[in-house]
Amino acid sequence: MAQLTHALKAYAPRLKISSRASMNQVVNFIASRTGLNRGTISMVLYELQDTLLYFHLTGRSVKLDGLGCFTPFIDTKGNIDVTNRLPPEFKAALNKPHAYEGEIINRDMIGKSSQELIARWNNEHPDDKINTG
């Protein structure tokens, strides 16, 4: 018998992530918009990395206007990681209607409830239904 997770995996909307932008592509993009030279931009980005590491290793979060708050945390195994809380204006820009230009898989399922996903699963998989009872 199928589970809700099967329907979610099959039908929930998700972004098709394209190839990752490389450091070189990011540097070139910034250079094309600012007139700064590539060497300066690369140096600043590497210094930003070292700066974040420094403050995180001293137990401090770092707030960067426009990019959010980066906060170190530790898990139960003792591994340190970092979370980033995006600022509201960044999230608003991501969610501005029709701004996203990438592919959305299962776009037709945006706004559908779990029950609607289950109904679609059950309709398409009559021999492996999800029990809703």
C-alpha atoms as a PDB file:
ATOM      1  CA  MET A   1       0.000   0.000   0.000  1.00  0.00           C
ATOM      2  CA  ALA A   2       1.329   3.414  -0.960  1.00  0.00           C
ATOM      3  CA  GLN A   3       1.947   6.247   1.494  1.00  0.00           C
ATOM      4  CA  LEU A   4       1.349   9.998   1.332  1.00  0.00           C
ATOM      5  CA  THR A   5       5.088  10.413   0.710  1.00  0.00           C
ATOM      6  CA  HIS A   6       4.685   8.558  -2.594  1.00  0.00           C
ATOM      7  CA  ALA A   7       2.088  11.073  -3.774  1.00  0.00           C
ATOM      8  CA  LEU A   8       4.172  14.009  -2.564  1.00  0.00           C
ATOM      9  CA  LYS A   9       7.276  12.748  -4.338  1.00  0.00           C
ATOM     10  CA  ALA A  10       5.355  12.093  -7.539  1.00  0.00           C
ATOM     11  CA  TYR A  11       3.123  15.156  -7.720  1.00  0.00           C
ATOM     12  CA  ALA A  12       4.199  17.981  -5.416  1.00  0.00           C
ATOM     13  CA  PRO A  13       5.455  21.066  -7.267  1.00  0.00           C
ATOM     14  CA  ARG A  14       9.233  21.393  -7.281  1.00  0.00           C
ATOM     15  CA  LEU A  15      11.823  23.476  -9.029  1.00  0.00           C
ATOM     16  CA  LYS A  16      13.991  21.884 -11.687  1.00  0.00           C
ATOM     17  CA  ILE A  17      17.406  23.108 -10.623  1.00  0.00           C
ATOM     18  CA  SER A  18      19.716  23.899 -13.520  1.00  0.00           C
ATOM     19  CA  SER A  19      23.480  23.755 -13.400  1.00  0.00           C
ATOM     20  CA  ARG A  20      25.054  25.530 -10.439  1.00  0.00           C
ATOM     21  CA  ALA A  21      26.575  28.948 -11.120  1.00  0.00           C
ATOM     22  CA  SER A  22      30.343  28.777 -10.647  1.00  0.00           C
ATOM     23  CA  MET A  23      32.441  31.314  -8.787  1.00  0.00           C
ATOM     24  CA  ASN A  24      33.781  32.466 -12.165  1.00  0.00           C
ATOM     25  CA  GLN A  25      30.243  33.059 -13.482  1.00  0.00           C
ATOM     26  CA  VAL A  26      29.285  34.976 -10.326  1.00  0.00           C
ATOM     27  CA  VAL A  27      32.413  37.125 -10.570  1.00  0.00           C
ATOM     28  CA  ASN A  28      31.749  37.837 -14.262  1.00  0.00           C
ATOM     29  CA  PHE A  29      28.116  38.745 -13.529  1.00  0.00           C
ATOM     30  CA  ILE A  30      29.085  41.179 -10.765  1.00  0.00           C
ATOM     31  CA  ALA A  31      31.854  42.673 -12.924  1.00  0.00           C
ATOM     32  CA  SER A  32      29.428  43.253 -15.788  1.00  0.00           C
ATOM     33  CA  ARG A  33      27.049  45.137 -13.477  1.00  0.00           C
ATOM     34  CA  THR A  34      29.528  47.166 -11.450  1.00  0.00           C
ATOM     35  CA  GLY A  35      32.555  47.955 -13.582  1.00  0.00           C
ATOM     36  CA  LEU A  36      34.802  46.490 -10.872  1.00  0.00           C
ATOM     37  CA  ASN A  37      37.582  44.237 -12.066  1.00  0.00           C
ATOM     38  CA  ARG A  38      37.343  40.485 -11.655  1.00  0.00           C
ATOM     39  CA  GLY A  39      40.351  40.242  -9.332  1.00  0.00           C
ATOM     40  CA  THR A  40      38.860  42.715  -6.870  1.00  0.00           C
ATOM     41  CA  ILE A  41      35.510  40.959  -6.866  1.00  0.00           C
ATOM     42  CA  SER A  42      37.121  37.546  -6.306  1.00  0.00           C
ATOM     43  CA  MET A  43      39.205  38.927  -3.445  1.00  0.00           C
ATOM     44  CA  VAL A  44      36.147  40.456  -1.766  1.00  0.00           C
ATOM     45  CA  LEU A  45      34.149  37.229  -2.067  1.00  0.00           C
ATOM     46  CA  TYR A  46      36.988  35.167  -0.553  1.00  0.00           C
ATOM     47  CA  GLU A  47      37.374  37.739   2.223  1.00  0.00           C
ATOM     48  CA  LEU A  48      33.635  37.507   2.883  1.00  0.00           C
ATOM     49  CA  GLN A  49      34.034  33.739   3.258  1.00  0.00           C
ATOM     50  CA  ASP A  50      36.924  34.188   5.705  1.00  0.00           C
ATOM     51  CA  THR A  51      34.956  36.834   7.609  1.00  0.00           C
ATOM     52  CA  LEU A  52      31.913  34.600   8.016  1.00  0.00           C
ATOM     53  CA  LEU A  53      34.135  31.739   9.159  1.00  0.00           C
ATOM     54  CA  TYR A  54      35.902  33.978  11.691  1.00  0.00           C
ATOM     55  CA  PHE A  55      32.700  35.232  13.298  1.00  0.00           C
ATOM     56  CA  HIS A  56      31.022  31.812  13.237  1.00  0.00           C
ATOM     57  CA  LEU A  57      34.047  30.220  14.921  1.00  0.00           C
ATOM     58  CA  THR A  58      33.665  32.784  17.712  1.00  0.00           C
ATOM     59  CA  GLY A  59      29.997  31.866  18.147  1.00  0.00           C
ATOM     60  CA  ARG A  60      28.562  34.931  16.459  1.00  0.00           C
ATOM     61  CA  SER A  61      25.930  35.223  13.793  1.00  0.00           C
ATOM     62  CA  VAL A  62      26.439  37.646  10.921  1.00  0.00           C
ATOM     63  CA  LYS A  63      23.742  39.844   9.422  1.00  0.00           C
ATOM     64  CA  LEU A  64      24.330  41.081   5.883  1.00  0.00           C
ATOM     65  CA  ASP A  65      21.719  43.521   4.650  1.00  0.00           C
ATOM     66  CA  GLY A  66      19.998  42.078   1.616  1.00  0.00           C
ATOM     67  CA  LEU A  67      21.439  38.580   2.158  1.00  0.00           C
ATOM     68  CA  GLY A  68      20.103  37.714   5.597  1.00  0.00           C
ATOM     69  CA  CYS A  69      21.398  36.478   8.902  1.00  0.00           C
ATOM     70  CA  PHE A  70      23.919  33.617   8.934  1.00  0.00           C
ATOM     71  CA  THR A  71      23.871  31.746  12.253  1.00  0.00           C
ATOM     72  CA  PRO A  72      26.088  28.871  13.376  1.00  0.00           C
ATOM     73  CA  PHE A  73      24.549  25.889  15.188  1.00  0.00           C
ATOM     74  CA  ILE A  74      25.684  22.499  16.435  1.00  0.00           C
ATOM     75  CA  ASP A  75      23.919  19.167  16.002  1.00  0.00           C
ATOM     76  CA  THR A  76      23.764  16.291  18.464  1.00  0.00           C
ATOM     77  CA  LYS A  77      26.886  14.711  16.958  1.00  0.00           C
ATOM     78  CA  GLY A  78      28.913  17.880  17.528  1.00  0.00           C
ATOM     79  CA  ASN A  79      28.983  18.984  13.893  1.00  0.00           C
ATOM     80  CA  ILE A  80      28.804  22.713  13.356  1.00  0.00           C
ATOM     81  CA  ASP A  81      26.784  24.052  10.447  1.00  0.00           C
ATOM     82  CA  VAL A  82      25.279  27.386   9.442  1.00  0.00           C
ATOM     83  CA  THR A  83      21.718  28.435   8.701  1.00  0.00           C
ATOM     84  CA  ASN A  84      20.707  31.471   6.703  1.00  0.00           C
ATOM     85  CA  ARG A  85      17.491  33.334   7.367  1.00  0.00           C
ATOM     86  CA  LEU A  86      16.642  35.354   4.280  1.00  0.00           C
ATOM     87  CA  PRO A  87      15.293  38.869   4.720  1.00  0.00           C
ATOM     88  CA  PRO A  88      11.610  39.399   3.891  1.00  0.00           C
ATOM     89  CA  GLU A  89      12.390  41.597   0.876  1.00  0.00           C
ATOM     90  CA  PHE A  90      14.552  38.832  -0.631  1.00  0.00           C
ATOM     91  CA  LYS A  91      11.755  36.287  -0.178  1.00  0.00           C
ATOM     92  CA  ALA A  92       9.266  38.776  -1.636  1.00  0.00           C
ATOM     93  CA  ALA A  93      11.459  39.193  -4.732  1.00  0.00           C
ATOM     94  CA  LEU A  94      11.669  35.396  -5.139  1.00  0.00           C
ATOM     95  CA  ASN A  95       7.896  35.086  -4.891  1.00  0.00           C
ATOM     96  CA  LYS A  96       6.916  38.043  -7.039  1.00  0.00           C
ATOM     97  CA  PRO A  97       4.303  36.786  -9.519  1.00  0.00           C
ATOM     98  CA  HIS A  98       5.828  35.592 -12.798  1.00  0.00           C
ATOM     99  CA  ALA A  99       9.394  36.460 -11.701  1.00  0.00           C
ATOM    100  CA  TYR A 100      10.638  32.868 -11.667  1.00  0.00           C
ATOM    101  CA  GLU A 101      11.961  31.963 -15.107  1.00  0.00           C
ATOM    102  CA  GLY A 102      13.098  28.393 -14.450  1.00  0.00           C
ATOM    103  CA  GLU A 103      11.119  25.211 -14.941  1.00  0.00           C
ATOM    104  CA  ILE A 104       8.583  24.140 -12.321  1.00  0.00           C
ATOM    105  CA  ILE A 105       7.843  20.419 -12.299  1.00  0.00           C
ATOM    106  CA  ASN A 106       4.170  19.667 -11.586  1.00  0.00           C
ATOM    107  CA  ARG A 107       3.262  23.344 -11.944  1.00  0.00           C
ATOM    108  CA  ASP A 108      -0.373  22.281 -12.315  1.00  0.00           C
ATOM    109  CA  MET A 109      -0.310  20.987  -8.733  1.00  0.00           C
ATOM    110  CA  ILE A 110       0.552  24.352  -7.145  1.00  0.00           C
ATOM    111  CA  GLY A 111      -2.042  25.108  -4.485  1.00  0.00           C
ATOM    112  CA  LYS A 112      -3.385  21.555  -4.334  1.00  0.00           C
ATOM    113  CA  SER A 113      -3.986  19.975  -0.926  1.00  0.00           C
ATOM    114  CA  SER A 114      -2.541  16.683   0.273  1.00  0.00           C
ATOM    115  CA  GLN A 115      -5.958  15.159  -0.254  1.00  0.00           C
ATOM    116  CA  GLU A 116      -5.914  16.258  -3.899  1.00  0.00           C
ATOM    117  CA  LEU A 117      -2.454  14.746  -4.368  1.00  0.00           C
ATOM    118  CA  ILE A 118      -3.704  11.506  -2.814  1.00  0.00           C
ATOM    119  CA  ALA A 119      -6.765  11.521  -5.077  1.00  0.00           C
ATOM    120  CA  ARG A 120      -4.560  11.890  -8.142  1.00  0.00           C
ATOM    121  CA  TRP A 121      -2.270   9.096  -6.920  1.00  0.00           C
ATOM    122  CA  ASN A 122      -5.208   6.792  -6.249  1.00  0.00           C
ATOM    123  CA  ASN A 123      -6.719   7.571  -9.653  1.00  0.00           C
ATOM    124  CA  GLU A 124      -3.447   6.829 -11.463  1.00  0.00           C
ATOM    125  CA  HIS A 125      -2.452   3.841  -9.264  1.00  0.00           C
ATOM    126  CA  PRO A 126      -5.668   1.853  -8.647  1.00  0.00           C
ATOM    127  CA  ASP A 127      -3.679  -1.228  -7.584  1.00  0.00           C
ATOM    128  CA  ASP A 128      -1.525   0.690  -5.065  1.00  0.00           C
ATOM    129  CA  LYS A 129      -3.874   3.177  -3.424  1.00  0.00           C
ATOM    130  CA  ILE A 130      -3.127   5.380  -0.447  1.00  0.00           C
ATOM    131  CA  ASN A 131      -5.496   4.597   2.386  1.00  0.00           C
ATOM    132  CA  THR A 132      -7.252   7.791   3.480  1.00  0.00           C
ATOM    133  CA  GLY A 133      -9.375   6.127   6.135  1.00  0.00           C
END
